[in-house]
Amino acid sequence: MEKLICVLCFIVIVSFTKDVKTNIGNNNVTIKSGLTEKEIIRLAANVAPSERQYQWQQLEFTAFFHFGMNTFTDREWGKGDEDPKLFNPTALDARQWVKVCKEAGVKQVIITAKHHDGFCLWPSKYTEHSVKNSLWKGGKGDVVRDVSDACREMEMGFGIYLSPWDRNSPFYGDSPKYNAYFMNQLTELLTEYGKVDEVWFDGACGEGPNGKKQVYDVDAFYSLIRKLQPGAVIAIAGPDVRWIGSESGYGRETEWSVLPVEAQNPDEIAAHSQKDVNKVPNLDWGKQLLGVRSVITAAKALVWFPAEADVSIRPGWFYHTNNDSLVKTPERLVDIYFSSVGKNSGLLLNIPPDKRGLIHENDVKSLSGMRSILEKTFATNYATGAKLSSDGIRVNSILDNDKLTFWTTAGDKETGYILISLPKAQRIDVLSLQENIHIGQRIEKFTFEYYDGNQWKTVIQGTTIGYKRLLRFAPVTSREFRLKIEASRLNPTLSELGLYKLPLDSLRINMEH
């Protein structure tokens, strides 16, 4: 009889495991008319990233190199009439750029191959406004190649930014001609520099010299990228990764990766792009609940569309000498990390090379300090070695460092708990949680508690988790902790849990931003 019960239990667990299979690649779904809310939620719970999106989400931390004509004219937006001879870095070393980033924990870098002024950092054969007519290396240099070579050497991801807006090109505003010109340049970048992991577009769209507004053929742009670099994600005016809505680096408290398909509308993206949101912030963006039930149940289709939070290490996006004393401190960068990567978003940190063609010493110092703090914070997961119990199954999966294994609930239960009993009492102030997004994003509400010897007390509460959630709180000391999942779209799937301690109390609570 006991053997029969064991066999039956094994069959139930194996059957359940087979039912909860990966949904990777199922990154969009059409909602047919007449579906109930319950049916729509079931669809939403099974939307998952494409393989390229999943690879992007694992990066967590990416760097931007804003470098070009503006570096030498002390501008943020060039006019397009600058003399190419102004571009003349004295000690350009792309290996230093990539090395600095890698040592800071960055996994991928993006170079501004062409900004709005139209000046190309590679010797494009389609324009004279490029490095081939600069004094640097006698016109024989190629910044894009230097960066791509350094990335391959140091095993870093490589991405390109190509501004759709071009204030130099005589074709801009003549939509068919300019679109052909743009695609020619895009083809150069996607075929001559090896593997490209990301293509980054903003939605900037001003008037051309003929006074007409350019109409971008975005479908053709996307198709070309998919053909030439099928593994590359297309961000921000693109279908793979979205802009979070602010250039502060801070994410929302509730951040869903499953959104209505309308979020990918390039015209809407362009309408909000290139606004100086640091100085005149949109106070509503952080309060927007983009993927909640009331929003997705009214949608015609749903897509996996994860958020990226971008910010510069300096006040401006390009290097300016008078900003050398205004580099963000390590503590500020750590706060941004917790508020972006720690809120189900990727972090894109701009690190602009200076006129020498080097990352400035002040920037290097802050990045090094940031890395040191993060390494100390996450050096020890105090949950390691804990005794785990739960009302769900596979609870030990949350400590195996495998994002594809996961704790979940049995049957169709949408709530559950995990009890963490440490070998001895520990003082902690950071909770790390990750869902198995191979299946989808599901958790809607959770509470983290500790036992004070007499009763359970709330430490902190949250809504979404997604790829990663990092929560800071006033330190608590205990041997017993409990995570309660209080709302979920179908069965929750928690893949990782960590308990940590910040090295400095000043890092604990979010700063004003």
Protein backbone atom coordinates (compact mmCIF):
# COMPACT_ATOMS: atom_id res chain seq x y z
CA MET A 1 0.00 0.00 0.00
CA GLU A 2 2.82 2.42 0.93
CA LYS A 3 4.58 1.63 -2.36
CA LEU A 4 1.36 2.34 -4.26
CA ILE A 5 0.97 5.72 -2.54
CA CYS A 6 4.58 6.63 -3.38
CA VAL A 7 4.06 5.68 -7.01
CA LEU A 8 0.87 7.72 -7.21
CA CYS A 9 2.62 10.73 -5.64
CA PHE A 10 5.44 10.37 -8.14
CA ILE A 11 2.97 10.27 -11.03
CA VAL A 12 1.19 13.39 -9.75
CA ILE A 13 4.44 15.36 -9.40
CA VAL A 14 5.79 14.22 -12.79
CA SER A 15 2.49 15.02 -14.47
CA PHE A 16 2.40 18.44 -12.88
CA THR A 17 5.99 19.12 -13.94
CA LYS A 18 5.12 18.25 -17.52
CA ASP A 19 2.09 20.56 -17.41
CA VAL A 20 4.22 23.52 -16.30
CA LYS A 21 6.54 23.53 -19.30
CA THR A 22 8.55 26.42 -20.68
CA ASN A 23 6.72 29.05 -22.69
CA ILE A 24 9.91 30.62 -24.09
CA GLY A 25 9.20 32.18 -27.49
CA ASN A 26 5.48 32.49 -26.79
CA ASN A 27 5.89 36.26 -26.47
CA ASN A 28 2.58 37.44 -27.92
CA VAL A 29 -1.03 36.36 -27.88
CA THR A 30 -4.23 37.62 -29.50
CA ILE A 31 -7.26 38.05 -27.27
CA LYS A 32 -10.39 36.87 -29.02
CA SER A 33 -13.62 38.72 -28.35
CA GLY A 34 -15.91 37.22 -25.76
CA LEU A 35 -13.21 35.84 -23.47
CA THR A 36 -13.80 36.13 -19.75
CA GLU A 37 -11.37 37.89 -17.43
CA LYS A 38 -10.27 34.51 -16.09
CA GLU A 39 -9.49 33.29 -19.60
CA ILE A 40 -7.54 36.46 -20.43
CA ILE A 41 -5.51 36.19 -17.22
CA ARG A 42 -4.65 32.59 -18.12
CA LEU A 43 -3.38 33.78 -21.50
CA ALA A 44 -1.38 36.60 -19.89
CA ALA A 45 0.19 34.22 -17.38
CA ASN A 46 1.62 32.11 -20.20
CA VAL A 47 3.17 34.93 -22.26
CA ALA A 48 6.96 34.63 -21.98
CA PRO A 49 10.02 36.27 -23.56
CA SER A 50 11.48 35.28 -26.90
CA GLU A 51 14.92 33.70 -26.71
CA ARG A 52 16.60 37.02 -27.64
CA GLN A 53 14.55 38.84 -24.98
CA TYR A 54 15.47 36.25 -22.37
CA GLN A 55 19.17 36.63 -23.17
CA TRP A 56 18.79 40.41 -22.87
CA GLN A 57 17.08 40.17 -19.48
CA GLN A 58 19.94 38.10 -18.10
CA LEU A 59 22.37 40.94 -18.88
CA GLU A 60 20.75 43.16 -16.23
CA PHE A 61 23.41 45.90 -16.56
CA THR A 62 24.40 47.50 -19.89
CA ALA A 63 26.51 50.56 -20.70
CA PHE A 64 26.04 53.32 -23.27
CA PHE A 65 28.98 55.15 -24.85
CA HIS A 66 27.77 58.56 -26.02
CA PHE A 67 30.75 59.74 -28.03
CA GLY A 68 31.03 61.75 -31.20
CA MET A 69 31.02 65.26 -32.59
CA ASN A 70 29.19 66.60 -29.52
CA THR A 71 32.14 65.51 -27.37
CA PHE A 72 34.30 68.10 -29.17
CA THR A 73 31.73 70.90 -29.63
CA ASP A 74 30.52 70.73 -26.00
CA ARG A 75 26.92 70.16 -27.08
CA GLU A 76 24.23 67.61 -26.36
CA TRP A 77 22.53 67.90 -29.75
CA GLY A 78 24.68 68.86 -32.74
CA LYS A 79 23.27 70.82 -35.66
CA GLY A 80 24.77 68.66 -38.38
CA ASP A 81 26.91 71.42 -39.92
CA GLU A 82 30.04 70.73 -37.86
CA ASP A 83 33.41 70.36 -39.59
CA PRO A 84 34.50 66.68 -39.42
CA LYS A 85 38.01 67.90 -38.60
CA LEU A 86 36.77 68.88 -35.13
CA PHE A 87 36.66 65.19 -34.24
CA ASN A 88 40.19 64.46 -33.03
CA PRO A 89 40.61 62.39 -29.84
CA THR A 90 44.23 62.35 -28.70
CA ALA A 91 44.40 58.95 -26.96
CA LEU A 92 41.31 56.97 -27.93
CA ASP A 93 41.38 53.51 -26.36
CA ALA A 94 38.19 51.49 -26.79
CA ARG A 95 39.76 48.63 -24.84
CA GLN A 96 39.92 50.93 -21.82
CA TRP A 97 36.20 51.72 -22.23
CA VAL A 98 35.19 48.08 -22.35
CA LYS A 99 37.59 47.04 -19.60
CA VAL A 100 36.25 49.72 -17.24
CA CYS A 101 32.71 48.54 -17.94
CA LYS A 102 33.50 44.87 -17.48
CA GLU A 103 35.21 45.56 -14.16
CA ALA A 104 32.08 47.47 -13.07
CA GLY A 105 29.86 44.44 -13.73
CA VAL A 106 28.49 45.56 -17.09
CA LYS A 107 27.65 42.71 -19.48
CA GLN A 108 27.10 44.61 -22.75
CA VAL A 109 27.96 48.01 -24.26
CA ILE A 110 26.28 50.16 -26.92
CA ILE A 111 28.15 52.73 -29.02
CA THR A 112 26.48 55.81 -30.53
CA ALA A 113 27.55 55.03 -34.08
CA LYS A 114 25.64 58.11 -35.28
CA HIS A 115 23.85 60.74 -33.20
CA HIS A 116 21.35 63.36 -34.37
CA ASP A 117 24.09 65.48 -36.00
CA GLY A 118 24.62 62.70 -38.56
CA PHE A 119 28.36 62.34 -37.89
CA CYS A 120 29.34 58.68 -38.30
CA LEU A 121 31.92 57.01 -36.09
CA TRP A 122 32.69 54.55 -38.87
CA PRO A 123 33.83 55.37 -42.43
CA SER A 124 30.42 55.06 -44.03
CA LYS A 125 30.54 55.08 -47.80
CA TYR A 126 27.16 56.82 -47.93
CA THR A 127 28.20 60.16 -46.41
CA GLU A 128 31.23 62.42 -46.13
CA HIS A 129 30.21 63.44 -42.60
CA SER A 130 32.24 60.77 -40.83
CA VAL A 131 35.55 59.83 -39.25
CA LYS A 132 37.05 59.32 -42.72
CA ASN A 133 37.23 63.11 -43.07
CA SER A 134 38.49 63.76 -39.53
CA LEU A 135 42.03 64.44 -38.36
CA TRP A 136 41.95 61.37 -36.10
CA LYS A 137 44.29 58.71 -37.48
CA GLY A 138 44.49 60.69 -40.71
CA GLY A 139 40.94 59.69 -41.57
CA LYS A 140 41.78 55.97 -41.34
CA GLY A 141 40.16 55.33 -37.94
CA ASP A 142 36.96 53.44 -37.13
CA VAL A 143 35.54 53.83 -33.61
CA VAL A 144 32.83 51.22 -34.18
CA ARG A 145 35.42 48.63 -35.16
CA ASP A 146 37.61 49.49 -32.17
CA VAL A 147 34.67 48.96 -29.80
CA SER A 148 33.43 45.77 -31.48
CA ASP A 149 36.96 44.31 -31.44
CA ALA A 150 37.38 45.15 -27.75
CA CYS A 151 34.03 43.53 -26.95
CA ARG A 152 35.00 40.30 -28.70
CA GLU A 153 38.37 40.26 -26.98
CA MET A 154 36.81 40.71 -23.52
CA GLU A 155 33.72 38.57 -24.19
CA MET A 156 31.28 41.45 -23.80
CA GLY A 157 28.02 41.98 -25.65
CA PHE A 158 28.17 44.60 -28.43
CA GLY A 159 25.36 46.91 -29.50
CA ILE A 160 24.91 49.90 -31.77
CA TYR A 161 22.85 53.07 -31.56
CA LEU A 162 21.97 54.62 -34.91
CA SER A 163 19.98 57.83 -34.67
CA PRO A 164 16.97 57.83 -36.98
CA TRP A 165 17.04 61.63 -36.93
CA ASP A 166 19.86 63.02 -39.06
CA ARG A 167 20.43 66.80 -39.13
CA ASN A 168 23.17 66.51 -41.74
CA SER A 169 21.70 64.28 -44.43
CA PRO A 170 20.18 66.18 -47.42
CA PHE A 171 17.73 63.28 -47.78
CA TYR A 172 16.13 63.72 -44.38
CA GLY A 173 12.50 64.73 -44.84
CA ASP A 174 12.35 63.06 -48.25
CA SER A 175 11.05 59.86 -46.68
CA PRO A 176 11.76 57.26 -49.42
CA LYS A 177 15.29 58.55 -50.08
CA TYR A 178 16.23 58.88 -46.44
CA ASN A 179 14.83 55.47 -45.50
CA ALA A 180 17.00 53.91 -48.23
CA TYR A 181 20.01 55.89 -46.94
CA PHE A 182 19.34 54.84 -43.35
CA MET A 183 19.01 51.18 -44.30
CA ASN A 184 22.26 51.34 -46.25
CA GLN A 185 24.04 52.60 -43.15
CA LEU A 186 22.28 50.04 -41.00
CA THR A 187 23.44 47.33 -43.39
CA GLU A 188 27.05 48.49 -43.04
CA LEU A 189 26.85 48.26 -39.28
CA LEU A 190 25.12 44.89 -39.24
CA THR A 191 27.40 43.17 -41.76
CA GLU A 192 30.91 44.56 -41.20
CA TYR A 193 31.42 44.32 -37.43
CA GLY A 194 30.64 40.74 -36.47
CA LYS A 195 27.87 39.75 -34.09
CA VAL A 196 25.61 42.61 -32.98
CA ASP A 197 23.62 41.86 -29.83
CA GLU A 198 21.42 44.96 -29.68
CA VAL A 199 20.23 47.72 -31.99
CA TRP A 200 19.07 50.76 -30.03
CA PHE A 201 16.76 53.35 -31.61
CA ASP A 202 15.21 56.36 -29.95
CA GLY A 203 12.11 57.91 -31.44
CA ALA A 204 13.69 61.27 -32.33
CA CYS A 205 12.06 62.73 -35.44
CA GLY A 206 12.61 66.38 -36.30
CA GLU A 207 12.17 68.28 -39.55
CA GLY A 208 14.59 67.91 -42.43
CA PRO A 209 16.24 70.75 -44.40
CA ASN A 210 13.21 70.79 -46.70
CA GLY A 211 10.94 71.56 -43.74
CA LYS A 212 9.24 68.18 -43.95
CA LYS A 213 8.99 65.63 -41.19
CA GLN A 214 10.53 62.29 -41.97
CA VAL A 215 8.29 59.21 -41.97
CA TYR A 216 10.38 56.24 -40.91
CA ASP A 217 9.77 52.86 -42.51
CA VAL A 218 10.16 51.08 -39.19
CA ASP A 219 8.84 47.77 -40.49
CA ALA A 220 11.59 47.71 -43.10
CA PHE A 221 14.18 48.65 -40.45
CA TYR A 222 13.04 45.80 -38.20
CA SER A 223 12.94 43.28 -41.05
CA LEU A 224 16.48 44.18 -42.06
CA ILE A 225 17.76 43.68 -38.52
CA ARG A 226 15.99 40.34 -38.18
CA LYS A 227 17.51 39.23 -41.48
CA LEU A 228 21.09 40.36 -40.84
CA GLN A 229 21.35 39.92 -37.06
CA PRO A 230 18.50 37.61 -35.99
CA GLY A 231 19.77 37.34 -32.42
CA ALA A 232 19.84 41.10 -31.80
CA VAL A 233 17.19 42.73 -29.62
CA ILE A 234 15.67 45.93 -30.97
CA ALA A 235 15.17 48.61 -28.34
CA ILE A 236 13.61 51.29 -27.53
CA ALA A 237 11.66 52.32 -30.61
CA GLY A 238 11.45 48.62 -31.33
CA PRO A 239 9.50 45.46 -30.53
CA ASP A 240 11.82 43.77 -28.00
CA VAL A 241 12.67 46.23 -25.20
CA ARG A 242 10.81 49.36 -24.09
CA TRP A 243 11.82 52.63 -22.50
CA ILE A 244 10.64 52.88 -18.92
CA GLY A 245 9.55 56.50 -19.41
CA SER A 246 12.21 58.49 -17.54
CA GLU A 247 15.92 59.16 -17.93
CA SER A 248 16.50 58.95 -14.19
CA GLY A 249 17.35 55.24 -14.05
CA TYR A 250 14.50 54.57 -11.61
CA GLY A 251 11.80 52.00 -12.25
CA ARG A 252 8.24 51.58 -11.07
CA GLU A 253 7.24 49.73 -7.91
CA THR A 254 4.88 47.64 -10.04
CA GLU A 255 6.51 46.68 -13.34
CA TRP A 256 4.88 44.12 -15.61
CA SER A 257 6.65 42.73 -18.66
CA VAL A 258 3.35 41.60 -20.22
CA LEU A 259 1.58 44.59 -21.76
CA PRO A 260 -1.09 45.42 -24.35
CA VAL A 261 0.36 45.30 -27.88
CA GLU A 262 -0.36 49.02 -28.28
CA ALA A 263 2.71 49.71 -26.11
CA GLN A 264 4.84 48.85 -29.16
CA ASN A 265 3.31 51.62 -31.29
CA PRO A 266 6.33 53.49 -32.78
CA ASP A 267 4.38 56.74 -33.15
CA GLU A 268 3.55 56.76 -29.44
CA ILE A 269 7.16 56.02 -28.59
CA ALA A 270 8.35 58.87 -30.83
CA ALA A 271 5.85 61.30 -29.30
CA HIS A 272 7.41 60.84 -25.85
CA SER A 273 11.01 60.42 -26.91
CA GLN A 274 13.84 62.91 -26.48
CA LYS A 275 12.09 64.95 -23.82
CA ASP A 276 14.28 66.38 -21.07
CA VAL A 277 12.59 64.27 -18.44
CA ASN A 278 15.40 64.77 -15.93
CA LYS A 279 14.67 68.47 -15.65
CA VAL A 280 10.94 68.39 -16.38
CA PRO A 281 9.90 64.93 -15.17
CA ASN A 282 6.61 63.36 -16.03
CA LEU A 283 5.37 62.91 -12.50
CA ASP A 284 2.81 60.33 -13.56
CA TRP A 285 5.05 57.80 -15.29
CA GLY A 286 6.17 56.10 -12.09
CA LYS A 287 2.59 55.66 -10.93
CA GLN A 288 1.37 54.09 -14.14
CA LEU A 289 0.20 50.51 -13.71
CA LEU A 290 0.90 49.37 -17.23
CA GLY A 291 0.15 45.66 -17.03
CA VAL A 292 -2.41 45.27 -14.27
CA ARG A 293 -5.57 43.21 -14.75
CA SER A 294 -7.81 46.16 -15.56
CA VAL A 295 -5.43 47.14 -18.39
CA ILE A 296 -4.73 43.76 -19.98
CA THR A 297 -8.33 42.58 -19.89
CA ALA A 298 -9.24 45.50 -22.15
CA ALA A 299 -6.44 44.77 -24.66
CA LYS A 300 -6.76 43.25 -28.14
CA ALA A 301 -3.44 41.43 -27.84
CA LEU A 302 -0.65 41.01 -25.28
CA VAL A 303 3.13 41.02 -25.74
CA TRP A 304 6.22 40.41 -23.64
CA PHE A 305 7.79 43.88 -23.61
CA PRO A 306 10.31 44.31 -20.76
CA ALA A 307 11.46 47.68 -19.46
CA GLU A 308 14.85 49.36 -19.62
CA ALA A 309 15.79 52.25 -17.32
CA ASP A 310 18.40 54.55 -18.84
CA VAL A 311 20.45 57.21 -17.09
CA SER A 312 23.80 58.94 -17.48
CA ILE A 313 26.57 58.81 -14.90
CA ARG A 314 26.84 62.58 -15.50
CA PRO A 315 24.20 65.33 -15.89
CA GLY A 316 24.59 65.20 -19.68
CA TRP A 317 24.77 62.31 -22.13
CA PHE A 318 28.00 63.53 -23.75
CA TYR A 319 31.21 64.43 -21.95
CA HIS A 320 31.56 68.03 -20.74
CA THR A 321 34.57 69.21 -18.76
CA ASN A 322 32.43 71.27 -16.41
CA ASN A 323 30.65 68.07 -15.31
CA ASP A 324 33.78 66.37 -13.99
CA SER A 325 32.79 67.16 -10.40
CA LEU A 326 29.18 66.09 -10.97
CA VAL A 327 29.70 62.38 -11.60
CA LYS A 328 27.18 60.29 -9.69
CA THR A 329 28.63 58.83 -6.51
CA PRO A 330 28.95 55.06 -5.95
CA GLU A 331 26.11 55.28 -3.44
CA ARG A 332 23.85 56.96 -5.99
CA LEU A 333 24.72 54.37 -8.62
CA VAL A 334 23.91 51.56 -6.18
CA ASP A 335 20.58 53.21 -5.42
CA ILE A 336 19.85 53.36 -9.15
CA TYR A 337 20.84 49.69 -9.53
CA PHE A 338 18.40 48.62 -6.81
CA SER A 339 15.72 50.83 -8.37
CA SER A 340 16.11 49.49 -11.91
CA VAL A 341 17.57 45.96 -11.96
CA GLY A 342 15.83 45.51 -8.61
CA LYS A 343 12.47 46.50 -10.09
CA ASN A 344 12.22 44.11 -13.04
CA SER A 345 14.03 46.41 -15.45
CA GLY A 346 17.35 46.44 -17.26
CA LEU A 347 19.78 49.23 -16.35
CA LEU A 348 21.42 51.16 -19.20
CA LEU A 349 24.07 53.44 -17.70
CA ASN A 350 25.67 56.01 -19.98
CA ILE A 351 29.44 56.44 -19.48
CA PRO A 352 30.64 59.08 -21.97
CA PRO A 353 34.32 59.01 -23.05
CA ASP A 354 36.10 62.37 -22.84
CA LYS A 355 37.96 64.39 -25.50
CA ARG A 356 41.03 62.22 -25.09
CA GLY A 357 38.91 59.21 -26.03
CA LEU A 358 39.09 57.72 -22.51
CA ILE A 359 36.62 57.12 -19.69
CA HIS A 360 37.43 59.90 -17.24
CA GLU A 361 39.13 59.05 -13.94
CA ASN A 362 36.17 60.36 -11.92
CA ASP A 363 33.77 58.06 -13.75
CA VAL A 364 36.12 55.10 -13.26
CA LYS A 365 36.33 55.81 -9.53
CA SER A 366 32.55 55.90 -9.10
CA LEU A 367 32.04 52.74 -11.13
CA SER A 368 34.70 50.94 -9.09
CA GLY A 369 33.03 52.06 -5.87
CA MET A 370 29.65 50.86 -7.11
CA ARG A 371 31.04 47.42 -7.99
CA SER A 372 32.71 47.13 -4.57
CA ILE A 373 29.46 47.87 -2.73
CA LEU A 374 27.44 45.41 -4.82
CA GLU A 375 30.05 42.67 -4.43
CA LYS A 376 30.08 43.10 -0.66
CA THR A 377 26.26 43.16 -0.54
CA PHE A 378 25.72 39.96 -2.51
CA ALA A 379 28.81 38.05 -1.37
CA THR A 380 26.84 35.95 1.14
CA ASN A 381 23.31 34.66 0.72
CA TYR A 382 22.29 33.99 4.31
CA ALA A 383 19.49 31.72 3.10
CA THR A 384 22.09 29.21 1.89
CA GLY A 385 21.95 26.17 4.14
CA ALA A 386 18.53 27.08 5.48
CA LYS A 387 15.86 24.47 6.14
CA LEU A 388 12.95 25.18 3.82
CA SER A 389 9.32 24.15 4.15
CA SER A 390 6.29 25.09 2.13
CA ASP A 391 2.73 24.25 1.17
CA GLY A 392 3.98 23.95 -2.44
CA ILE A 393 6.43 21.68 -4.25
CA ARG A 394 10.15 21.73 -5.13
CA VAL A 395 10.88 24.36 -2.48
CA ASN A 396 14.63 23.62 -2.47
CA SER A 397 14.77 24.88 -6.06
CA ILE A 398 14.88 28.48 -4.81
CA LEU A 399 18.42 27.96 -3.47
CA ASP A 400 20.00 25.94 -6.30
CA ASN A 401 21.21 28.93 -8.41
CA ASP A 402 19.31 27.60 -11.41
CA LYS A 403 16.80 30.07 -12.84
CA LEU A 404 14.95 27.32 -14.71
CA THR A 405 14.06 25.28 -11.62
CA PHE A 406 11.35 26.69 -9.39
CA TRP A 407 9.04 26.39 -6.42
CA THR A 408 5.37 26.42 -7.22
CA THR A 409 2.01 25.45 -5.78
CA ALA A 410 0.14 22.22 -6.41
CA GLY A 411 -3.06 21.95 -8.39
CA ASP A 412 -4.55 25.31 -9.34
CA LYS A 413 -3.65 27.11 -6.12
CA GLU A 414 -2.56 30.72 -6.69
CA THR A 415 -1.27 31.49 -3.19
CA GLY A 416 1.32 29.85 -0.97
CA TYR A 417 4.14 30.32 1.49
CA ILE A 418 7.79 29.44 1.98
CA LEU A 419 9.26 29.14 5.47
CA ILE A 420 13.02 29.79 5.75
CA SER A 421 14.68 28.50 8.93
CA LEU A 422 18.32 29.60 9.22
CA PRO A 423 20.97 27.64 11.16
CA LYS A 424 21.39 30.71 13.39
CA ALA A 425 19.94 34.20 13.69
CA GLN A 426 21.11 36.65 11.01
CA ARG A 427 20.80 40.39 10.57
CA ILE A 428 19.58 41.19 7.05
CA ASP A 429 18.22 44.18 5.14
CA VAL A 430 17.93 42.97 1.52
CA LEU A 431 15.56 40.45 -0.05
CA SER A 432 16.17 39.16 -3.58
CA LEU A 433 13.46 37.33 -5.53
CA GLN A 434 13.28 35.97 -9.07
CA GLU A 435 10.49 34.34 -11.05
CA ASN A 436 11.03 31.73 -13.73
CA ILE A 437 10.12 33.99 -16.65
CA HIS A 438 10.65 31.09 -19.04
CA ILE A 439 7.09 30.29 -18.03
CA GLY A 440 5.86 33.88 -17.65
CA GLN A 441 5.43 36.64 -15.08
CA ARG A 442 2.71 35.79 -12.58
CA ILE A 443 3.17 37.04 -9.03
CA GLU A 444 0.96 40.05 -8.20
CA LYS A 445 1.41 40.49 -4.45
CA PHE A 446 3.72 39.16 -1.74
CA THR A 447 4.64 39.78 1.90
CA PHE A 448 7.97 39.03 3.60
CA GLU A 449 7.87 38.40 7.36
CA TYR A 450 10.17 37.51 10.25
CA TYR A 451 9.47 35.76 13.55
CA ASP A 452 10.49 37.82 16.60
CA GLY A 453 10.20 34.95 19.06
CA ASN A 454 6.55 35.57 19.81
CA GLN A 455 4.80 36.41 16.58
CA TRP A 456 5.20 36.95 12.84
CA LYS A 457 5.84 40.56 11.83
CA THR A 458 5.83 42.14 8.39
CA VAL A 459 9.20 43.24 7.04
CA ILE A 460 8.12 44.50 3.63
CA GLN A 461 5.43 43.98 0.99
CA GLY A 462 5.57 44.11 -2.78
CA THR A 463 3.60 43.56 -5.95
CA THR A 464 5.45 42.35 -9.05
CA ILE A 465 8.68 40.35 -9.12
CA GLY A 466 9.42 39.37 -12.73
CA TYR A 467 13.01 38.60 -13.71
CA LYS A 468 14.39 40.14 -10.51
CA ARG A 469 13.17 42.09 -7.49
CA LEU A 470 15.50 43.58 -4.88
CA LEU A 471 13.98 45.08 -1.74
CA ARG A 472 15.77 47.07 0.96
CA PHE A 473 14.36 47.54 4.44
CA ALA A 474 15.32 48.44 8.00
CA PRO A 475 17.50 45.58 9.31
CA VAL A 476 15.88 42.69 11.13
CA THR A 477 17.54 39.84 13.02
CA SER A 478 15.93 36.42 13.18
CA ARG A 479 16.30 32.71 12.43
CA GLU A 480 12.81 32.41 10.95
CA PHE A 481 11.56 34.21 7.83
CA ARG A 482 8.47 33.64 5.73
CA LEU A 483 7.54 34.65 2.20
CA LYS A 484 3.83 34.67 1.44
CA ILE A 485 2.54 34.83 -2.12
CA GLU A 486 -0.85 36.46 -1.73
CA ALA A 487 -1.92 36.91 -5.36
CA SER A 488 -0.78 35.37 -8.63
CA ARG A 489 -1.90 34.78 -12.19
CA LEU A 490 -2.21 30.98 -12.06
CA ASN A 491 0.45 29.08 -10.11
CA PRO A 492 3.38 31.26 -8.97
CA THR A 493 6.83 30.13 -10.15
CA LEU A 494 9.61 31.39 -7.88
CA SER A 495 13.09 30.37 -9.06
CA GLU A 496 15.46 32.15 -6.65
CA LEU A 497 15.45 33.71 -3.17
CA GLY A 498 18.28 35.49 -1.37
CA LEU A 499 18.77 37.19 2.01
CA TYR A 500 21.60 39.73 2.18
CA LYS A 501 23.14 42.53 4.23
CA LEU A 502 24.19 45.93 2.89
CA PRO A 503 27.71 47.03 3.93
CA LEU A 504 26.53 50.58 4.73
CA ASP A 505 23.35 51.70 6.51
CA SER A 506 23.18 54.77 4.26
CA LEU A 507 22.47 52.49 1.28
CA ARG A 508 19.36 50.99 2.81
CA ILE A 509 16.57 53.43 2.11
CA ASN A 510 15.87 54.92 -1.33
CA MET A 511 17.15 58.43 -1.87
CA GLU A 512 14.97 61.17 -3.27
CA HIS A 513 15.17 61.24 -7.05
